[in-house]
Amino acid sequence: MRRVPHILGTYAVSSSGVILFLDWFVERYELNNLYTDVLLIAIVTLIPSIIMVSYFHGRPGKDEWMKTEIIGIPVNLLITFLCIFIFQI
């Protein structure tokens, strides 16, 4: 059985914790709120990569990398960087 919902739930909970910590850190040390925005954009846009990895590697045992992952994950990272630069200009 694939563990996509379990991994996505863990990703959501841990991501919200990281965002809350960074938001507290930014407020505490009076840093630019841009850091929190960039992190939020990165977390949201990386969800397709998390789904791909958890779907193809969610079963117990060793799995080989699929062509979808080899192409999809770098494309998703490129889209993430583009979104960060486009939305923060």
N, C-alpha and C. Protein backbone atom coordinates (compact mmCIF):
# COMPACT_ATOMS: atom_id res chain seq x y z
N MET A 1 0.85 -1.19 0.00
CA MET A 1 0.00 0.00 0.00
C MET A 1 0.89 1.25 0.00
N ARG A 2 0.51 2.19 -0.75
CA ARG A 2 1.29 3.43 -0.84
C ARG A 2 0.97 4.32 0.36
N ARG A 3 1.93 5.10 0.75
CA ARG A 3 1.80 5.93 1.95
C ARG A 3 1.68 7.41 1.62
N VAL A 4 1.05 7.75 0.50
CA VAL A 4 0.94 9.14 0.08
C VAL A 4 0.21 9.99 1.12
N PRO A 5 -0.97 9.59 1.63
CA PRO A 5 -1.65 10.43 2.62
C PRO A 5 -0.84 10.62 3.91
N HIS A 6 -0.15 9.56 4.33
CA HIS A 6 0.65 9.65 5.55
C HIS A 6 1.81 10.64 5.37
N ILE A 7 2.47 10.54 4.24
CA ILE A 7 3.62 11.41 4.00
C ILE A 7 3.16 12.85 3.78
N LEU A 8 2.05 13.04 3.06
CA LEU A 8 1.53 14.40 2.88
C LEU A 8 1.09 15.01 4.20
N GLY A 9 0.48 14.22 5.06
CA GLY A 9 0.09 14.72 6.38
C GLY A 9 1.29 15.12 7.21
N THR A 10 2.32 14.29 7.19
CA THR A 10 3.55 14.61 7.91
C THR A 10 4.19 15.86 7.34
N TYR A 11 4.18 16.00 6.02
CA TYR A 11 4.74 17.18 5.36
C TYR A 11 3.96 18.43 5.77
N ALA A 12 2.64 18.33 5.81
CA ALA A 12 1.81 19.49 6.18
C ALA A 12 2.06 19.92 7.62
N VAL A 13 2.11 18.95 8.52
CA VAL A 13 2.32 19.29 9.94
C VAL A 13 3.72 19.85 10.17
N SER A 14 4.72 19.21 9.59
CA SER A 14 6.09 19.70 9.80
C SER A 14 6.30 21.06 9.10
N SER A 15 5.69 21.25 7.94
CA SER A 15 5.82 22.53 7.24
C SER A 15 5.17 23.65 8.02
N SER A 16 4.00 23.37 8.59
CA SER A 16 3.34 24.42 9.38
C SER A 16 4.17 24.77 10.61
N GLY A 17 4.82 23.78 11.20
CA GLY A 17 5.70 24.07 12.33
C GLY A 17 6.89 24.92 11.94
N VAL A 18 7.47 24.64 10.78
CA VAL A 18 8.61 25.43 10.31
C VAL A 18 8.17 26.85 9.98
N ILE A 19 7.00 27.00 9.36
CA ILE A 19 6.50 28.34 9.04
C ILE A 19 6.23 29.13 10.31
N LEU A 20 5.61 28.50 11.29
CA LEU A 20 5.33 29.19 12.55
C LEU A 20 6.62 29.60 13.26
N PHE A 21 7.62 28.71 13.25
CA PHE A 21 8.89 29.05 13.88
C PHE A 21 9.57 30.20 13.16
N LEU A 22 9.59 30.16 11.81
CA LEU A 22 10.22 31.24 11.06
C LEU A 22 9.48 32.55 11.26
N ASP A 23 8.15 32.51 11.32
CA ASP A 23 7.38 33.72 11.55
C ASP A 23 7.70 34.31 12.93
N TRP A 24 7.81 33.43 13.93
CA TRP A 24 8.18 33.91 15.27
C TRP A 24 9.59 34.52 15.23
N PHE A 25 10.51 33.84 14.55
CA PHE A 25 11.89 34.31 14.45
C PHE A 25 11.97 35.67 13.76
N VAL A 26 11.20 35.84 12.68
CA VAL A 26 11.19 37.11 11.95
C VAL A 26 10.63 38.23 12.82
N GLU A 27 9.56 37.94 13.54
CA GLU A 27 8.97 38.96 14.42
C GLU A 27 9.88 39.28 15.60
N ARG A 28 10.49 38.26 16.16
CA ARG A 28 11.34 38.45 17.34
C ARG A 28 12.56 39.30 17.04
N TYR A 29 13.19 39.05 15.91
CA TYR A 29 14.42 39.76 15.57
C TYR A 29 14.21 40.85 14.52
N GLU A 30 12.96 41.20 14.29
CA GLU A 30 12.57 42.29 13.39
C GLU A 30 13.24 42.19 12.02
N LEU A 31 13.12 41.00 11.43
CA LEU A 31 13.66 40.77 10.10
C LEU A 31 12.59 41.06 9.05
N ASN A 32 12.94 40.95 7.81
CA ASN A 32 12.02 41.19 6.71
C ASN A 32 11.00 40.04 6.62
N ASN A 33 9.73 40.38 6.43
CA ASN A 33 8.69 39.37 6.31
C ASN A 33 8.80 38.57 5.01
N LEU A 34 9.70 38.97 4.15
CA LEU A 34 9.92 38.28 2.88
C LEU A 34 10.35 36.83 3.11
N TYR A 35 11.07 36.56 4.17
CA TYR A 35 11.53 35.20 4.46
C TYR A 35 10.36 34.24 4.64
N THR A 36 9.36 34.67 5.37
CA THR A 36 8.19 33.84 5.59
C THR A 36 7.43 33.60 4.29
N ASP A 37 7.31 34.63 3.47
CA ASP A 37 6.61 34.50 2.19
C ASP A 37 7.33 33.54 1.25
N VAL A 38 8.64 33.64 1.19
CA VAL A 38 9.43 32.76 0.33
C VAL A 38 9.29 31.31 0.79
N LEU A 39 9.34 31.10 2.09
CA LEU A 39 9.20 29.74 2.61
C LEU A 39 7.82 29.18 2.30
N LEU A 40 6.79 29.98 2.45
CA LEU A 40 5.44 29.52 2.17
C LEU A 40 5.28 29.16 0.69
N ILE A 41 5.81 29.99 -0.20
CA ILE A 41 5.75 29.69 -1.64
C ILE A 41 6.50 28.40 -1.94
N ALA A 42 7.67 28.23 -1.35
CA ALA A 42 8.45 27.02 -1.59
C ALA A 42 7.73 25.77 -1.09
N ILE A 43 7.13 25.85 0.08
CA ILE A 43 6.43 24.69 0.63
C ILE A 43 5.24 24.31 -0.23
N VAL A 44 4.48 25.28 -0.68
CA VAL A 44 3.29 24.99 -1.48
C VAL A 44 3.67 24.46 -2.86
N THR A 45 4.67 25.05 -3.49
CA THR A 45 5.01 24.62 -4.85
C THR A 45 5.79 23.31 -4.88
N LEU A 46 6.32 22.86 -3.78
CA LEU A 46 7.03 21.58 -3.74
C LEU A 46 6.12 20.38 -3.48
N ILE A 47 4.84 20.63 -3.29
CA ILE A 47 3.90 19.54 -3.02
C ILE A 47 3.88 18.49 -4.14
N PRO A 48 3.91 18.86 -5.43
CA PRO A 48 3.96 17.81 -6.46
C PRO A 48 5.17 16.88 -6.35
N SER A 49 6.31 17.41 -5.98
CA SER A 49 7.49 16.55 -5.81
C SER A 49 7.32 15.60 -4.63
N ILE A 50 6.72 16.11 -3.56
CA ILE A 50 6.47 15.25 -2.40
C ILE A 50 5.51 14.13 -2.76
N ILE A 51 4.48 14.45 -3.54
CA ILE A 51 3.52 13.43 -3.96
C ILE A 51 4.20 12.40 -4.86
N MET A 52 5.03 12.85 -5.79
CA MET A 52 5.73 11.93 -6.69
C MET A 52 6.64 10.97 -5.94
N VAL A 53 7.44 11.52 -5.05
CA VAL A 53 8.37 10.67 -4.30
C VAL A 53 7.62 9.71 -3.39
N SER A 54 6.59 10.20 -2.72
CA SER A 54 5.85 9.32 -1.82
C SER A 54 5.06 8.26 -2.58
N TYR A 55 4.60 8.56 -3.80
CA TYR A 55 3.87 7.57 -4.58
C TYR A 55 4.79 6.47 -5.10
N PHE A 56 5.91 6.86 -5.67
CA PHE A 56 6.80 5.86 -6.27
C PHE A 56 7.70 5.17 -5.26
N HIS A 57 7.91 5.75 -4.09
CA HIS A 57 8.78 5.14 -3.08
C HIS A 57 8.05 4.90 -1.77
N GLY A 58 6.73 4.84 -1.80
CA GLY A 58 5.95 4.69 -0.58
C GLY A 58 5.79 3.25 -0.12
N ARG A 59 6.16 2.31 -0.95
CA ARG A 59 6.05 0.91 -0.56
C ARG A 59 7.32 0.47 0.18
N PRO A 60 7.18 -0.51 1.05
CA PRO A 60 8.38 -1.05 1.69
C PRO A 60 9.30 -1.70 0.65
N GLY A 61 10.57 -1.59 0.86
CA GLY A 61 11.54 -2.19 -0.04
C GLY A 61 12.20 -1.17 -0.94
N LYS A 62 13.15 -1.66 -1.72
CA LYS A 62 13.91 -0.77 -2.59
C LYS A 62 13.13 -0.54 -3.89
N ASP A 63 13.06 0.71 -4.30
CA ASP A 63 12.39 1.08 -5.54
C ASP A 63 13.36 1.81 -6.45
N GLU A 64 13.18 1.64 -7.75
CA GLU A 64 14.02 2.34 -8.71
C GLU A 64 13.37 3.67 -9.07
N TRP A 65 14.21 4.61 -9.50
CA TRP A 65 13.71 5.92 -9.90
C TRP A 65 13.05 5.80 -11.26
N MET A 66 11.84 6.34 -11.36
CA MET A 66 11.08 6.32 -12.61
C MET A 66 11.44 7.54 -13.44
N LYS A 67 11.14 7.44 -14.74
CA LYS A 67 11.42 8.56 -15.64
C LYS A 67 10.61 9.79 -15.24
N THR A 68 9.41 9.56 -14.72
CA THR A 68 8.56 10.66 -14.27
C THR A 68 9.24 11.46 -13.18
N GLU A 69 9.88 10.77 -12.24
CA GLU A 69 10.58 11.46 -11.15
C GLU A 69 11.84 12.17 -11.64
N ILE A 70 12.57 11.51 -12.52
CA ILE A 70 13.82 12.08 -13.00
C ILE A 70 13.57 13.39 -13.75
N ILE A 71 12.45 13.48 -14.45
CA ILE A 71 12.11 14.70 -15.16
C ILE A 71 11.27 15.63 -14.29
N GLY A 72 10.32 15.08 -13.57
CA GLY A 72 9.34 15.88 -12.83
C GLY A 72 9.90 16.67 -11.67
N ILE A 73 10.78 16.08 -10.91
CA ILE A 73 11.31 16.76 -9.73
C ILE A 73 12.18 17.97 -10.10
N PRO A 74 13.11 17.85 -11.05
CA PRO A 74 13.85 19.07 -11.45
C PRO A 74 12.95 20.15 -12.06
N VAL A 75 11.94 19.74 -12.82
CA VAL A 75 11.01 20.72 -13.38
C VAL A 75 10.25 21.41 -12.25
N ASN A 76 9.83 20.64 -11.26
CA ASN A 76 9.13 21.23 -10.12
C ASN A 76 10.03 22.19 -9.34
N LEU A 77 11.30 21.84 -9.19
CA LEU A 77 12.24 22.75 -8.52
C LEU A 77 12.43 24.04 -9.32
N LEU A 78 12.50 23.91 -10.64
CA LEU A 78 12.62 25.09 -11.49
C LEU A 78 11.38 25.98 -11.36
N ILE A 79 10.20 25.37 -11.35
CA ILE A 79 8.96 26.13 -11.18
C ILE A 79 8.94 26.80 -9.81
N THR A 80 9.43 26.12 -8.80
CA THR A 80 9.48 26.70 -7.45
C THR A 80 10.36 27.94 -7.44
N PHE A 81 11.55 27.85 -8.02
CA PHE A 81 12.43 29.02 -8.05
C PHE A 81 11.83 30.16 -8.86
N LEU A 82 11.20 29.82 -9.99
CA LEU A 82 10.55 30.86 -10.79
C LEU A 82 9.42 31.54 -10.01
N CYS A 83 8.63 30.77 -9.31
CA CYS A 83 7.53 31.35 -8.51
C CYS A 83 8.08 32.26 -7.42
N ILE A 84 9.15 31.85 -6.79
CA ILE A 84 9.74 32.69 -5.74
C ILE A 84 10.21 34.01 -6.32
N PHE A 85 10.89 33.98 -7.45
CA PHE A 85 11.40 35.21 -8.02
C PHE A 85 10.28 36.07 -8.64
N ILE A 86 9.28 35.44 -9.24
CA ILE A 86 8.19 36.21 -9.85
C ILE A 86 7.33 36.87 -8.79
N PHE A 87 6.95 36.14 -7.76
CA PHE A 87 6.04 36.69 -6.75
C PHE A 87 6.71 37.63 -5.77
N GLN A 88 8.03 37.62 -5.72
CA GLN A 88 8.71 38.48 -4.76
C GLN A 88 9.33 39.73 -5.38
N ILE A 89 9.08 39.97 -6.65
CA ILE A 89 9.63 41.16 -7.31
C ILE A 89 8.77 42.36 -7.02
